[in-house]
PDB file of all heavy atoms in Angstrom:
ATOM      1  N   ALA A   1       0.790  -1.191   0.020  1.00  0.00           N
ATOM      2  CA  ALA A   1       0.022  -0.007   0.014  1.00  0.00           C
ATOM      3  C   ALA A   1       0.865   1.240  -0.009  1.00  0.00           C
ATOM      4  O   ALA A   1       2.109   1.173   0.136  1.00  0.00           O
ATOM      5  CB  ALA A   1      -0.871  -0.027   1.253  1.00  0.00           C
ATOM      6  N   PRO A   2       0.294   2.448  -0.112  1.00  0.00           N
ATOM      7  CA  PRO A   2       1.055   3.656  -0.061  1.00  0.00           C
ATOM      8  C   PRO A   2       1.955   3.750   1.132  1.00  0.00           C
ATOM      9  O   PRO A   2       1.546   3.438   2.266  1.00  0.00           O
ATOM     10  CB  PRO A   2       0.040   4.769  -0.056  1.00  0.00           C
ATOM     11  CG  PRO A   2      -1.149   4.151  -0.861  1.00  0.00           C
ATOM     12  CD  PRO A   2      -1.134   2.747  -0.457  1.00  0.00           C
ATOM     13  N   TYR A   3       3.212   4.204   0.892  1.00  0.00           N
ATOM     14  CA  TYR A   3       4.293   4.334   1.941  1.00  0.00           C
ATOM     15  C   TYR A   3       4.767   3.070   2.569  1.00  0.00           C
ATOM     16  O   TYR A   3       5.381   3.056   3.590  1.00  0.00           O
ATOM     17  CB  TYR A   3       3.765   5.331   3.083  1.00  0.00           C
ATOM     18  CG  TYR A   3       3.540   6.658   2.430  1.00  0.00           C
ATOM     19  CD1 TYR A   3       2.267   7.099   2.030  1.00  0.00           C
ATOM     20  CD2 TYR A   3       4.621   7.604   2.224  1.00  0.00           C
ATOM     21  CE1 TYR A   3       2.053   8.290   1.469  1.00  0.00           C
ATOM     22  CE2 TYR A   3       4.393   8.820   1.658  1.00  0.00           C
ATOM     23  CZ  TYR A   3       3.134   9.167   1.277  1.00  0.00           C
ATOM     24  OH  TYR A   3       2.905  10.377   0.614  1.00  0.00           O
ATOM     25  N   GLU A   4       4.498   1.965   1.861  1.00  0.00           N
ATOM     26  CA  GLU A   4       5.134   0.721   2.231  1.00  0.00           C
ATOM     27  C   GLU A   4       6.273   0.502   1.214  1.00  0.00           C
ATOM     28  O   GLU A   4       6.145   0.013   0.148  1.00  0.00           O
ATOM     29  CB  GLU A   4       4.129  -0.472   2.177  1.00  0.00           C
ATOM     30  CG  GLU A   4       3.145  -0.476   3.328  1.00  0.00           C
ATOM     31  CD  GLU A   4       2.305  -1.757   3.370  1.00  0.00           C
ATOM     32  OE1 GLU A   4       2.082  -2.332   2.306  1.00  0.00           O
ATOM     33  OE2 GLU A   4       1.897  -2.100   4.478  1.00  0.00           O
ATOM     34  N   LEU A   5       7.500   0.769   1.706  1.00  0.00           N
ATOM     35  CA  LEU A   5       8.671   0.639   0.891  1.00  0.00           C
ATOM     36  C   LEU A   5       8.936  -0.823   0.641  1.00  0.00           C
ATOM     37  O   LEU A   5       8.766  -1.670   1.535  1.00  0.00           O
ATOM     38  CB  LEU A   5       9.911   1.294   1.519  1.00  0.00           C
ATOM     39  CG  LEU A   5       9.891   2.863   1.648  1.00  0.00           C
ATOM     40  CD1 LEU A   5      10.716   3.258   2.831  1.00  0.00           C
ATOM     41  CD2 LEU A   5      10.437   3.406   0.369  1.00  0.00           C
ATOM     42  N   HIS A   6       9.365  -1.185  -0.575  1.00  0.00           N
ATOM     43  CA  HIS A   6       9.739  -2.556  -0.901  1.00  0.00           C
ATOM     44  C   HIS A   6      10.692  -2.498  -2.094  1.00  0.00           C
ATOM     45  O   HIS A   6      10.911  -1.435  -2.602  1.00  0.00           O
ATOM     46  CB  HIS A   6       8.528  -3.424  -1.290  1.00  0.00           C
ATOM     47  CG  HIS A   6       7.682  -2.790  -2.340  1.00  0.00           C
ATOM     48  ND1 HIS A   6       6.914  -1.692  -2.197  1.00  0.00           N
ATOM     49  CD2 HIS A   6       7.486  -3.175  -3.658  1.00  0.00           C
ATOM     50  CE1 HIS A   6       6.275  -1.445  -3.339  1.00  0.00           C
ATOM     51  NE2 HIS A   6       6.638  -2.340  -4.233  1.00  0.00           N
ATOM     52  N   PHE A   7      11.281  -3.650  -2.419  1.00  0.00           N
ATOM     53  CA  PHE A   7      12.350  -3.545  -3.483  1.00  0.00           C
ATOM     54  C   PHE A   7      12.346  -4.859  -4.288  1.00  0.00           C
ATOM     55  O   PHE A   7      11.718  -5.878  -3.997  1.00  0.00           O
ATOM     56  CB  PHE A   7      13.707  -3.297  -2.879  1.00  0.00           C
ATOM     57  CG  PHE A   7      14.332  -4.496  -2.200  1.00  0.00           C
ATOM     58  CD1 PHE A   7      15.236  -5.266  -2.858  1.00  0.00           C
ATOM     59  CD2 PHE A   7      14.002  -4.801  -0.955  1.00  0.00           C
ATOM     60  CE1 PHE A   7      15.880  -6.343  -2.278  1.00  0.00           C
ATOM     61  CE2 PHE A   7      14.547  -5.902  -0.344  1.00  0.00           C
ATOM     62  CZ  PHE A   7      15.511  -6.630  -1.033  1.00  0.00           C
ATOM     63  N   PHE A   8      12.961  -4.684  -5.476  1.00  0.00           N
ATOM     64  CA  PHE A   8      13.110  -5.759  -6.423  1.00  0.00           C
ATOM     65  C   PHE A   8      14.570  -5.910  -6.733  1.00  0.00           C
ATOM     66  O   PHE A   8      15.390  -5.022  -6.640  1.00  0.00           O
ATOM     67  CB  PHE A   8      12.392  -5.407  -7.774  1.00  0.00           C
ATOM     68  CG  PHE A   8      10.976  -5.010  -7.599  1.00  0.00           C
ATOM     69  CD1 PHE A   8      10.585  -3.686  -7.493  1.00  0.00           C
ATOM     70  CD2 PHE A   8       9.986  -5.987  -7.486  1.00  0.00           C
ATOM     71  CE1 PHE A   8       9.300  -3.286  -7.355  1.00  0.00           C
ATOM     72  CE2 PHE A   8       8.649  -5.599  -7.347  1.00  0.00           C
ATOM     73  CZ  PHE A   8       8.340  -4.239  -7.241  1.00  0.00           C
ATOM     74  N   ASP A   9      14.964  -7.153  -7.107  1.00  0.00           N
ATOM     75  CA  ASP A   9      16.311  -7.533  -7.526  1.00  0.00           C
ATOM     76  C   ASP A   9      16.338  -7.686  -8.987  1.00  0.00           C
ATOM     77  O   ASP A   9      15.565  -8.487  -9.584  1.00  0.00           O
ATOM     78  CB  ASP A   9      16.667  -8.780  -6.790  1.00  0.00           C
ATOM     79  CG  ASP A   9      18.129  -9.224  -7.027  1.00  0.00           C
ATOM     80  OD1 ASP A   9      18.725  -8.759  -7.974  1.00  0.00           O
ATOM     81  OD2 ASP A   9      18.584 -10.097  -6.235  1.00  0.00           O
ATOM     82  N   SER A  10      17.245  -6.972  -9.639  1.00  0.00           N
ATOM     83  CA  SER A  10      17.271  -7.040 -11.132  1.00  0.00           C
ATOM     84  C   SER A  10      17.716  -8.380 -11.601  1.00  0.00           C
ATOM     85  O   SER A  10      17.521  -8.770 -12.762  1.00  0.00           O
ATOM     86  CB  SER A  10      18.255  -5.988 -11.693  1.00  0.00           C
ATOM     87  OG  SER A  10      19.600  -6.293 -11.252  1.00  0.00           O
ATOM     88  N   SER A  11      18.295  -9.210 -10.716  1.00  0.00           N
ATOM     89  CA  SER A  11      18.760 -10.544 -11.082  1.00  0.00           C
ATOM     90  C   SER A  11      17.715 -11.681 -10.889  1.00  0.00           C
ATOM     91  O   SER A  11      18.022 -12.832 -11.169  1.00  0.00           O
ATOM     92  CB  SER A  11      20.027 -10.911 -10.223  1.00  0.00           C
ATOM     93  OG  SER A  11      21.008  -9.916 -10.395  1.00  0.00           O
ATOM     94  N   GLN A  12      16.513 -11.305 -10.400  1.00  0.00           N
ATOM     95  CA  GLN A  12      15.501 -12.259 -10.150  1.00  0.00           C
ATOM     96  C   GLN A  12      14.212 -11.908 -10.903  1.00  0.00           C
ATOM     97  O   GLN A  12      13.858 -10.810 -11.023  1.00  0.00           O
ATOM     98  CB  GLN A  12      15.134 -12.400  -8.687  1.00  0.00           C
ATOM     99  CG  GLN A  12      16.322 -12.813  -7.818  1.00  0.00           C
ATOM    100  CD  GLN A  12      15.858 -13.287  -6.433  1.00  0.00           C
ATOM    101  OE1 GLN A  12      14.733 -13.810  -6.235  1.00  0.00           O
ATOM    102  NE2 GLN A  12      16.683 -13.068  -5.439  1.00  0.00           N
ATOM    103  N   PRO A  13      13.569 -12.958 -11.510  1.00  0.00           N
ATOM    104  CA  PRO A  13      12.325 -12.667 -12.225  1.00  0.00           C
ATOM    105  C   PRO A  13      11.259 -12.135 -11.204  1.00  0.00           C
ATOM    106  O   PRO A  13      11.233 -12.513 -10.029  1.00  0.00           O
ATOM    107  CB  PRO A  13      11.937 -14.021 -12.784  1.00  0.00           C
ATOM    108  CG  PRO A  13      13.171 -14.879 -12.705  1.00  0.00           C
ATOM    109  CD  PRO A  13      13.973 -14.357 -11.561  1.00  0.00           C
ATOM    110  N   PHE A  14      10.373 -11.309 -11.729  1.00  0.00           N
ATOM    111  CA  PHE A  14       9.240 -10.853 -10.966  1.00  0.00           C
ATOM    112  C   PHE A  14       8.134 -10.331 -11.841  1.00  0.00           C
ATOM    113  O   PHE A  14       8.333 -10.051 -13.035  1.00  0.00           O
ATOM    114  CB  PHE A  14       9.619  -9.775  -9.966  1.00  0.00           C
ATOM    115  CG  PHE A  14      10.146  -8.519 -10.592  1.00  0.00           C
ATOM    116  CD1 PHE A  14       9.330  -7.464 -11.067  1.00  0.00           C
ATOM    117  CD2 PHE A  14      11.535  -8.228 -10.626  1.00  0.00           C
ATOM    118  CE1 PHE A  14       9.820  -6.332 -11.627  1.00  0.00           C
ATOM    119  CE2 PHE A  14      12.044  -7.085 -11.154  1.00  0.00           C
ATOM    120  CZ  PHE A  14      11.147  -6.124 -11.648  1.00  0.00           C
ATOM    121  N   HIS A  15       6.919 -10.294 -11.282  1.00  0.00           N
ATOM    122  CA  HIS A  15       5.750  -9.682 -12.002  1.00  0.00           C
ATOM    123  C   HIS A  15       5.199  -8.682 -10.993  1.00  0.00           C
ATOM    124  O   HIS A  15       4.894  -8.940  -9.863  1.00  0.00           O
ATOM    125  CB  HIS A  15       4.699 -10.713 -12.283  1.00  0.00           C
ATOM    126  CG  HIS A  15       3.364 -10.147 -12.752  1.00  0.00           C
ATOM    127  ND1 HIS A  15       2.169 -10.776 -12.457  1.00  0.00           N
ATOM    128  CD2 HIS A  15       3.110  -9.040 -13.450  1.00  0.00           C
ATOM    129  CE1 HIS A  15       1.185 -10.027 -12.965  1.00  0.00           C
ATOM    130  NE2 HIS A  15       1.788  -8.946 -13.546  1.00  0.00           N
ATOM    131  N   LEU A  16       5.159  -7.389 -11.481  1.00  0.00           N
ATOM    132  CA  LEU A  16       4.596  -6.283 -10.704  1.00  0.00           C
ATOM    133  C   LEU A  16       3.421  -5.711 -11.367  1.00  0.00           C
ATOM    134  O   LEU A  16       3.438  -5.475 -12.588  1.00  0.00           O
ATOM    135  CB  LEU A  16       5.718  -5.207 -10.504  1.00  0.00           C
ATOM    136  CG  LEU A  16       5.228  -3.840 -10.026  1.00  0.00           C
ATOM    137  CD1 LEU A  16       4.640  -3.926  -8.592  1.00  0.00           C
ATOM    138  CD2 LEU A  16       6.327  -2.771 -10.184  1.00  0.00           C
ATOM    139  N   TYR A  17       2.323  -5.560 -10.609  1.00  0.00           N
ATOM    140  CA  TYR A  17       1.106  -4.912 -11.186  1.00  0.00           C
ATOM    141  C   TYR A  17       0.874  -3.681 -10.383  1.00  0.00           C
ATOM    142  O   TYR A  17       0.512  -3.832  -9.176  1.00  0.00           O
ATOM    143  CB  TYR A  17      -0.071  -5.890 -11.205  1.00  0.00           C
ATOM    144  CG  TYR A  17      -1.362  -5.265 -11.674  1.00  0.00           C
ATOM    145  CD1 TYR A  17      -1.356  -4.435 -12.780  1.00  0.00           C
ATOM    146  CD2 TYR A  17      -2.547  -5.557 -11.049  1.00  0.00           C
ATOM    147  CE1 TYR A  17      -2.544  -3.867 -13.257  1.00  0.00           C
ATOM    148  CE2 TYR A  17      -3.745  -5.006 -11.469  1.00  0.00           C
ATOM    149  CZ  TYR A  17      -3.743  -4.150 -12.508  1.00  0.00           C
ATOM    150  OH  TYR A  17      -4.935  -3.601 -13.006  1.00  0.00           O
ATOM    151  N   SER A  18       1.026  -2.511 -10.928  1.00  0.00           N
ATOM    152  CA  SER A  18       0.725  -1.272 -10.243  1.00  0.00           C
ATOM    153  C   SER A  18      -0.716  -0.807 -10.633  1.00  0.00           C
ATOM    154  O   SER A  18      -0.989  -0.616 -11.833  1.00  0.00           O
ATOM    155  CB  SER A  18       1.768  -0.158 -10.603  1.00  0.00           C
ATOM    156  OG  SER A  18       3.061  -0.529 -10.293  1.00  0.00           O
ATOM    157  N   THR A  19      -1.517  -0.510  -9.664  1.00  0.00           N
ATOM    158  CA  THR A  19      -2.879  -0.142  -9.943  1.00  0.00           C
ATOM    159  C   THR A  19      -3.388   0.866  -8.908  1.00  0.00           C
ATOM    160  O   THR A  19      -2.830   1.014  -7.829  1.00  0.00           O
ATOM    161  CB  THR A  19      -3.822  -1.331  -9.917  1.00  0.00           C
ATOM    162  OG1 THR A  19      -5.113  -1.009 -10.311  1.00  0.00           O
ATOM    163  CG2 THR A  19      -3.872  -2.011  -8.539  1.00  0.00           C
ATOM    164  N   ASN A  20      -4.389   1.627  -9.311  1.00  0.00           N
ATOM    165  CA  ASN A  20      -5.060   2.483  -8.420  1.00  0.00           C
ATOM    166  C   ASN A  20      -6.543   2.524  -8.805  1.00  0.00           C
ATOM    167  O   ASN A  20      -6.887   2.992  -9.867  1.00  0.00           O
ATOM    168  CB  ASN A  20      -4.422   3.932  -8.520  1.00  0.00           C
ATOM    169  CG  ASN A  20      -5.039   4.907  -7.584  1.00  0.00           C
ATOM    170  OD1 ASN A  20      -6.018   4.564  -6.818  1.00  0.00           O
ATOM    171  ND2 ASN A  20      -4.549   6.129  -7.553  1.00  0.00           N
ATOM    172  N   ASP A  21      -7.449   2.110  -7.890  1.00  0.00           N
ATOM    173  CA  ASP A  21      -8.852   2.027  -8.184  1.00  0.00           C
ATOM    174  C   ASP A  21      -9.423   3.492  -8.474  1.00  0.00           C
ATOM    175  O   ASP A  21     -10.437   3.610  -9.186  1.00  0.00           O
ATOM    176  CB  ASP A  21      -9.599   1.368  -7.012  1.00  0.00           C
ATOM    177  CG  ASP A  21      -9.280  -0.071  -6.923  1.00  0.00           C
ATOM    178  OD1 ASP A  21      -8.805  -0.688  -7.864  1.00  0.00           O
ATOM    179  OD2 ASP A  21      -9.476  -0.577  -5.757  1.00  0.00           O
ATOM    180  N   ASN A  22      -8.756   4.468  -7.978  1.00  0.00           N
ATOM    181  CA  ASN A  22      -9.248   5.800  -8.173  1.00  0.00           C
ATOM    182  C   ASN A  22      -8.639   6.604  -9.286  1.00  0.00           C
ATOM    183  O   ASN A  22      -8.873   7.742  -9.518  1.00  0.00           O
ATOM    184  CB  ASN A  22      -9.048   6.679  -6.866  1.00  0.00           C
ATOM    185  CG  ASN A  22      -9.729   6.041  -5.690  1.00  0.00           C
ATOM    186  OD1 ASN A  22     -10.854   5.679  -5.768  1.00  0.00           O
ATOM    187  ND2 ASN A  22      -9.130   6.001  -4.588  1.00  0.00           N
ATOM    188  N   GLY A  23      -7.782   5.940 -10.123  1.00  0.00           N
ATOM    189  CA  GLY A  23      -7.234   6.627 -11.265  1.00  0.00           C
ATOM    190  C   GLY A  23      -5.797   6.195 -11.539  1.00  0.00           C
ATOM    191  O   GLY A  23      -5.440   4.995 -11.572  1.00  0.00           O
ATOM    192  N   LEU A  24      -4.904   7.201 -11.624  1.00  0.00           N
ATOM    193  CA  LEU A  24      -3.536   6.951 -11.961  1.00  0.00           C
ATOM    194  C   LEU A  24      -2.678   6.522 -10.727  1.00  0.00           C
ATOM    195  O   LEU A  24      -2.951   6.973  -9.627  1.00  0.00           O
ATOM    196  CB  LEU A  24      -2.912   8.194 -12.529  1.00  0.00           C
ATOM    197  CG  LEU A  24      -3.495   8.795 -13.824  1.00  0.00           C
ATOM    198  CD1 LEU A  24      -2.890  10.106 -14.177  1.00  0.00           C
ATOM    199  CD2 LEU A  24      -3.334   7.789 -14.969  1.00  0.00           C
ATOM    200  N   PHE A  25      -1.795   5.617 -10.996  1.00  0.00           N
ATOM    201  CA  PHE A  25      -0.848   5.209  -9.917  1.00  0.00           C
ATOM    202  C   PHE A  25       0.294   6.189  -9.896  1.00  0.00           C
ATOM    203  O   PHE A  25       0.724   6.746 -10.940  1.00  0.00           O
ATOM    204  CB  PHE A  25      -0.272   3.850 -10.265  1.00  0.00           C
ATOM    205  CG  PHE A  25       0.772   3.385  -9.332  1.00  0.00           C
ATOM    206  CD1 PHE A  25       0.483   2.636  -8.215  1.00  0.00           C
ATOM    207  CD2 PHE A  25       2.125   3.697  -9.505  1.00  0.00           C
ATOM    208  CE1 PHE A  25       1.419   2.212  -7.291  1.00  0.00           C
ATOM    209  CE2 PHE A  25       3.091   3.237  -8.640  1.00  0.00           C
ATOM    210  CZ  PHE A  25       2.748   2.550  -7.488  1.00  0.00           C
ATOM    211  N   SER A  26       0.786   6.540  -8.721  1.00  0.00           N
ATOM    212  CA  SER A  26       1.961   7.458  -8.561  1.00  0.00           C
ATOM    213  C   SER A  26       2.864   6.865  -7.519  1.00  0.00           C
ATOM    214  O   SER A  26       2.428   6.192  -6.543  1.00  0.00           O
ATOM    215  CB  SER A  26       1.546   8.909  -8.236  1.00  0.00           C
ATOM    216  OG  SER A  26       1.146   8.935  -6.852  1.00  0.00           O
ATOM    217  N   GLY A  27       4.196   7.168  -7.731  1.00  0.00           N
ATOM    218  CA  GLY A  27       5.201   6.688  -6.794  1.00  0.00           C
ATOM    219  C   GLY A  27       6.510   7.206  -7.181  1.00  0.00           C
ATOM    220  O   GLY A  27       6.707   8.008  -8.088  1.00  0.00           O
ATOM    221  N   VAL A  28       7.522   6.756  -6.363  1.00  0.00           N
ATOM    222  CA  VAL A  28       8.917   7.209  -6.601  1.00  0.00           C
ATOM    223  C   VAL A  28       9.722   5.880  -6.599  1.00  0.00           C
ATOM    224  O   VAL A  28       9.593   5.084  -5.687  1.00  0.00           O
ATOM    225  CB  VAL A  28       9.428   8.195  -5.603  1.00  0.00           C
ATOM    226  CG1 VAL A  28      10.874   8.566  -5.895  1.00  0.00           C
ATOM    227  CG2 VAL A  28       8.512   9.425  -5.457  1.00  0.00           C
ATOM    228  N   GLY A  29      10.608   5.747  -7.601  1.00  0.00           N
ATOM    229  CA  GLY A  29      11.513   4.599  -7.650  1.00  0.00           C
ATOM    230  C   GLY A  29      12.963   5.049  -7.449  1.00  0.00           C
ATOM    231  O   GLY A  29      13.278   6.202  -7.803  1.00  0.00           O
ATOM    232  N   ILE A  30      13.735   4.138  -6.896  1.00  0.00           N
ATOM    233  CA  ILE A  30      15.166   4.464  -6.676  1.00  0.00           C
ATOM    234  C   ILE A  30      15.977   3.227  -7.136  1.00  0.00           C
ATOM    235  O   ILE A  30      15.721   2.150  -6.662  1.00  0.00           O
ATOM    236  CB  ILE A  30      15.468   4.743  -5.171  1.00  0.00           C
ATOM    237  CG1 ILE A  30      14.580   5.795  -4.623  1.00  0.00           C
ATOM    238  CG2 ILE A  30      16.958   5.090  -5.041  1.00  0.00           C
ATOM    239  CD1 ILE A  30      13.367   5.297  -3.882  1.00  0.00           C
ATOM    240  N   ASN A  31      16.905   3.464  -7.985  1.00  0.00           N
ATOM    241  CA  ASN A  31      17.805   2.352  -8.467  1.00  0.00           C
ATOM    242  C   ASN A  31      19.141   2.561  -7.806  1.00  0.00           C
ATOM    243  O   ASN A  31      19.784   3.642  -7.868  1.00  0.00           O
ATOM    244  CB  ASN A  31      17.971   2.510 -10.000  1.00  0.00           C
ATOM    245  CG  ASN A  31      16.691   2.250 -10.800  1.00  0.00           C
ATOM    246  OD1 ASN A  31      15.808   1.615 -10.326  1.00  0.00           O
ATOM    247  ND2 ASN A  31      16.703   2.786 -12.036  1.00  0.00           N
ATOM    248  N   ILE A  32      19.559   1.515  -7.128  1.00  0.00           N
ATOM    249  CA  ILE A  32      20.836   1.528  -6.308  1.00  0.00           C
ATOM    250  C   ILE A  32      21.627   0.221  -6.688  1.00  0.00           C
ATOM    251  O   ILE A  32      21.086  -0.849  -6.504  1.00  0.00           O
ATOM    252  CB  ILE A  32      20.549   1.641  -4.803  1.00  0.00           C
ATOM    253  CG1 ILE A  32      19.741   2.918  -4.460  1.00  0.00           C
ATOM    254  CG2 ILE A  32      21.887   1.683  -4.074  1.00  0.00           C
ATOM    255  CD1 ILE A  32      19.500   2.999  -3.000  1.00  0.00           C
ATOM    256  N   PRO A  33      22.912   0.358  -7.001  1.00  0.00           N
ATOM    257  CA  PRO A  33      23.728  -0.801  -7.256  1.00  0.00           C
ATOM    258  C   PRO A  33      23.779  -1.694  -5.958  1.00  0.00           C
ATOM    259  O   PRO A  33      23.846  -1.184  -4.856  1.00  0.00           O
ATOM    260  CB  PRO A  33      25.089  -0.177  -7.538  1.00  0.00           C
ATOM    261  CG  PRO A  33      24.822   1.162  -8.082  1.00  0.00           C
ATOM    262  CD  PRO A  33      23.659   1.657  -7.273  1.00  0.00           C
ATOM    263  N   LYS A  34      23.655  -2.958  -6.214  1.00  0.00           N
ATOM    264  CA  LYS A  34      23.739  -3.916  -5.024  1.00  0.00           C
ATOM    265  C   LYS A  34      24.996  -3.719  -4.262  1.00  0.00           C
ATOM    266  O   LYS A  34      24.954  -3.896  -2.966  1.00  0.00           O
ATOM    267  CB  LYS A  34      23.722  -5.375  -5.569  1.00  0.00           C
ATOM    268  CG  LYS A  34      22.412  -5.785  -6.191  1.00  0.00           C
ATOM    269  CD  LYS A  34      22.418  -7.227  -6.657  1.00  0.00           C
ATOM    270  CE  LYS A  34      21.294  -7.721  -7.361  1.00  0.00           C
ATOM    271  NZ  LYS A  34      21.389  -9.096  -7.760  1.00  0.00           N
ATOM    272  N   ALA A  35      26.112  -3.341  -4.816  1.00  0.00           N
ATOM    273  CA  ALA A  35      27.348  -3.229  -4.103  1.00  0.00           C
ATOM    274  C   ALA A  35      27.241  -2.188  -2.996  1.00  0.00           C
ATOM    275  O   ALA A  35      28.129  -2.166  -2.091  1.00  0.00           O
ATOM    276  CB  ALA A  35      28.486  -2.877  -5.075  1.00  0.00           C
ATOM    277  N   LEU A  36      26.306  -1.265  -3.033  1.00  0.00           N
ATOM    278  CA  LEU A  36      26.208  -0.215  -2.136  1.00  0.00           C
ATOM    279  C   LEU A  36      25.327  -0.582  -0.940  1.00  0.00           C
ATOM    280  O   LEU A  36      25.165   0.234   0.022  1.00  0.00           O
ATOM    281  CB  LEU A  36      25.668   1.089  -2.795  1.00  0.00           C
ATOM    282  CG  LEU A  36      26.490   1.667  -3.871  1.00  0.00           C
ATOM    283  CD1 LEU A  36      25.807   2.941  -4.389  1.00  0.00           C
ATOM    284  CD2 LEU A  36      27.919   1.995  -3.389  1.00  0.00           C
ATOM    285  N   LEU A  37      24.656  -1.728  -0.976  1.00  0.00           N
ATOM    286  CA  LEU A  37      23.689  -2.133   0.035  1.00  0.00           C
ATOM    287  C   LEU A  37      24.182  -3.391   0.842  1.00  0.00           C
ATOM    288  O   LEU A  37      25.023  -4.110   0.299  1.00  0.00           O
ATOM    289  CB  LEU A  37      22.334  -2.383  -0.600  1.00  0.00           C
ATOM    290  CG  LEU A  37      21.673  -1.135  -1.218  1.00  0.00           C
ATOM    291  CD1 LEU A  37      20.405  -1.524  -2.012  1.00  0.00           C
ATOM    292  CD2 LEU A  37      21.424  -0.074  -0.158  1.00  0.00           C
ATOM    293  N   PRO A  38      23.559  -3.692   1.948  1.00  0.00           N
ATOM    294  CA  PRO A  38      24.042  -4.837   2.764  1.00  0.00           C
ATOM    295  C   PRO A  38      23.849  -6.135   1.971  1.00  0.00           C
ATOM    296  O   PRO A  38      22.906  -6.295   1.173  1.00  0.00           O
ATOM    297  CB  PRO A  38      23.081  -4.814   3.948  1.00  0.00           C
ATOM    298  CG  PRO A  38      22.662  -3.442   4.076  1.00  0.00           C
ATOM    299  CD  PRO A  38      22.599  -2.871   2.692  1.00  0.00           C
ATOM    300  N   LYS A  39      24.845  -7.102   2.175  1.00  0.00           N
ATOM    301  CA  LYS A  39      24.782  -8.323   1.416  1.00  0.00           C
ATOM    302  C   LYS A  39      23.538  -9.191   1.712  1.00  0.00           C
ATOM    303  O   LYS A  39      23.119  -9.953   0.878  1.00  0.00           O
ATOM    304  CB  LYS A  39      26.052  -9.122   1.715  1.00  0.00           C
ATOM    305  CG  LYS A  39      27.347  -8.493   1.191  1.00  0.00           C
ATOM    306  CD  LYS A  39      28.540  -9.275   1.479  1.00  0.00           C
ATOM    307  CE  LYS A  39      29.805  -8.638   0.920  1.00  0.00           C
ATOM    308  NZ  LYS A  39      31.063  -9.432   1.277  1.00  0.00           N
ATOM    309  N   GLN A  40      22.977  -9.040   2.907  1.00  0.00           N
ATOM    310  CA  GLN A  40      21.804  -9.833   3.329  1.00  0.00           C
ATOM    311  C   GLN A  40      20.553  -9.186   2.894  1.00  0.00           C
ATOM    312  O   GLN A  40      19.475  -9.685   3.240  1.00  0.00           O
ATOM    313  CB  GLN A  40      21.839  -9.956   4.886  1.00  0.00           C
ATOM    314  CG  GLN A  40      23.128 -10.393   5.508  1.00  0.00           C
ATOM    315  CD  GLN A  40      23.978  -9.281   5.940  1.00  0.00           C
ATOM    316  OE1 GLN A  40      23.977  -8.193   5.400  1.00  0.00           O
ATOM    317  NE2 GLN A  40      24.778  -9.529   6.977  1.00  0.00           N
ATOM    318  N   ALA A  41      20.598  -8.154   2.069  1.00  0.00           N
ATOM    319  CA  ALA A  41      19.375  -7.416   1.735  1.00  0.00           C
ATOM    320  C   ALA A  41      18.375  -8.335   0.999  1.00  0.00           C
ATOM    321  O   ALA A  41      17.152  -8.131   1.100  1.00  0.00           O
ATOM    322  CB  ALA A  41      19.755  -6.205   0.848  1.00  0.00           C
ATOM    323  N   ASP A  42      18.853  -9.328   0.232  1.00  0.00           N
ATOM    324  CA  ASP A  42      17.904 -10.121  -0.533  1.00  0.00           C
ATOM    325  C   ASP A  42      16.969 -10.915   0.414  1.00  0.00           C
ATOM    326  O   ASP A  42      15.893 -11.434  -0.022  1.00  0.00           O
ATOM    327  CB  ASP A  42      18.657 -11.131  -1.458  1.00  0.00           C
ATOM    328  CG  ASP A  42      19.671 -11.969  -0.679  1.00  0.00           C
ATOM    329  OD1 ASP A  42      19.791 -11.887   0.529  1.00  0.00           O
ATOM    330  OD2 ASP A  42      20.320 -12.825  -1.405  1.00  0.00           O
ATOM    331  N   GLN A  43      17.287 -11.051   1.733  1.00  0.00           N
ATOM    332  CA  GLN A  43      16.355 -11.701   2.655  1.00  0.00           C
ATOM    333  C   GLN A  43      15.079 -10.816   2.824  1.00  0.00           C
ATOM    334  O   GLN A  43      14.139 -11.381   3.390  1.00  0.00           O
ATOM    335  CB  GLN A  43      17.068 -11.790   4.021  1.00  0.00           C
ATOM    336  CG  GLN A  43      18.318 -12.661   3.998  1.00  0.00           C
ATOM    337  CD  GLN A  43      19.006 -12.691   5.391  1.00  0.00           C
ATOM    338  OE1 GLN A  43      18.351 -12.421   6.411  1.00  0.00           O
ATOM    339  NE2 GLN A  43      20.309 -12.997   5.333  1.00  0.00           N
TER     340      GLN A  43
END
């Protein structure tokens, strides 16, 4: 839901469906190299 941060791994398959019953979906995305984040992040 809104303001629930979550993330995806570019090395793993996924299916994302963005929707908004009231109209347009909006959000902010951040791309960060894995090398800059904790190694256990994939957990």
